[in-house]
């Protein structure tokens, strides 16, 4: 009779172990998936920095003042820098 109890207890412990392993395994996998997704979004480039040709400040490209001259686009941090650059280009031409 003791042998039957040991076998039944062994089977129950095995089933409990498999259930717990399955639960914690899926939690670990979902945590790894979240970490991987977060790492992918952290490494994406949000915006490109461009240098102002007048004052040499770095400005995010989507926030910069754009000026197109002679088929080339220039990026500026402010209207003042854009005006200074336009004046110097006109004097040189």
Protein backbone atom coordinates (compact mmCIF):
# COMPACT_ATOMS: atom_id res chain seq x y z
CA UNK A 1 0.00 0.00 0.00
CA UNK A 2 2.88 2.38 0.76
CA UNK A 3 4.32 1.76 -2.69
CA UNK A 4 1.04 2.81 -4.35
CA UNK A 5 0.97 6.02 -2.29
CA UNK A 6 4.55 6.83 -3.28
CA UNK A 7 3.76 6.30 -6.98
CA UNK A 8 0.62 8.47 -6.76
CA UNK A 9 2.51 11.20 -4.88
CA UNK A 10 5.32 11.02 -7.42
CA UNK A 11 2.85 11.43 -10.29
CA UNK A 12 1.14 14.38 -8.52
CA UNK A 13 4.47 16.09 -7.87
CA UNK A 14 5.48 15.58 -11.50
CA UNK A 15 2.19 17.09 -12.75
CA UNK A 16 2.53 20.04 -10.33
CA UNK A 17 6.14 20.57 -11.44
CA UNK A 18 5.13 20.58 -15.12
CA UNK A 19 2.30 23.05 -14.48
CA UNK A 20 4.53 25.44 -12.53
CA UNK A 21 7.28 25.16 -15.12
CA UNK A 22 4.78 25.94 -17.87
CA UNK A 23 3.43 28.99 -16.05
CA UNK A 24 6.83 30.44 -15.19
CA UNK A 25 8.24 29.55 -18.59
CA UNK A 26 5.55 31.57 -20.37
CA UNK A 27 6.13 34.50 -18.00
CA UNK A 28 9.84 34.42 -18.75
CA UNK A 29 9.19 34.24 -22.49
CA UNK A 30 6.81 37.21 -22.40
CA UNK A 31 9.32 39.19 -20.35
CA UNK A 32 12.04 38.42 -22.89
CA UNK A 33 9.73 39.46 -25.73
CA UNK A 34 9.00 42.78 -24.00
CA UNK A 35 12.71 43.41 -23.42
CA UNK A 36 13.48 42.65 -27.04
CA UNK A 37 10.74 44.97 -28.27
CA UNK A 38 11.92 47.74 -25.94
CA UNK A 39 15.51 47.30 -27.17
CA UNK A 40 14.34 47.56 -30.79
CA UNK A 41 12.41 50.78 -30.15
CA UNK A 42 15.28 52.27 -28.15
CA UNK A 43 17.73 51.81 -31.00
CA UNK A 44 15.56 53.35 -33.70
CA UNK A 45 16.70 56.78 -34.86
CA UNK A 46 14.11 59.33 -33.88
CA UNK A 47 15.48 62.23 -35.91
CA UNK A 48 18.60 63.21 -37.79
CA UNK A 49 20.67 66.18 -36.65
CA UNK A 50 21.84 68.67 -39.26
CA UNK A 51 24.45 71.39 -38.85
CA UNK A 52 23.62 75.03 -39.35
CA UNK A 53 26.22 76.39 -41.83
CA UNK A 54 26.28 79.81 -40.14
CA UNK A 55 26.52 79.18 -36.40
CA UNK A 56 27.33 75.44 -36.62
CA UNK A 57 24.63 74.38 -34.18
CA UNK A 58 23.13 70.92 -34.53
CA UNK A 59 19.38 71.03 -35.13
CA UNK A 60 16.85 68.21 -35.53
CA UNK A 61 16.10 68.01 -39.25
CA UNK A 62 12.32 68.08 -38.80
CA UNK A 63 12.56 71.31 -36.75
CA UNK A 64 15.14 73.13 -38.87
CA UNK A 65 14.43 76.10 -41.15
CA UNK A 66 14.92 74.95 -44.75
CA UNK A 67 16.32 77.13 -47.49
CA UNK A 68 16.83 75.88 -51.03
CA UNK A 69 19.52 77.58 -53.12
CA UNK A 70 21.06 76.45 -56.41
CA UNK A 71 19.34 73.08 -56.17
CA UNK A 72 20.74 72.34 -52.70
CA UNK A 73 18.81 72.38 -49.44
CA UNK A 74 20.37 74.07 -46.42
CA UNK A 75 19.12 73.72 -42.86
CA UNK A 76 19.24 76.48 -40.24
CA UNK A 77 18.49 76.83 -36.54
CA UNK A 78 16.69 80.18 -36.99
CA UNK A 79 15.46 82.69 -39.53
CA UNK A 80 18.34 84.98 -38.54
CA UNK A 81 20.94 82.41 -39.60
CA UNK A 82 19.01 81.75 -42.80
CA UNK A 83 18.98 85.48 -43.62
CA UNK A 84 22.73 85.83 -42.90
CA UNK A 85 23.50 82.88 -45.15
CA UNK A 86 21.27 84.25 -47.94
CA UNK A 87 23.01 87.63 -47.76
CA UNK A 88 26.49 86.10 -47.96
CA UNK A 89 25.44 83.93 -50.92
CA UNK A 90 24.05 86.97 -52.76
CA UNK A 91 27.28 88.95 -52.15
CA UNK A 92 29.40 86.07 -53.45
CA UNK A 93 27.27 85.67 -56.60
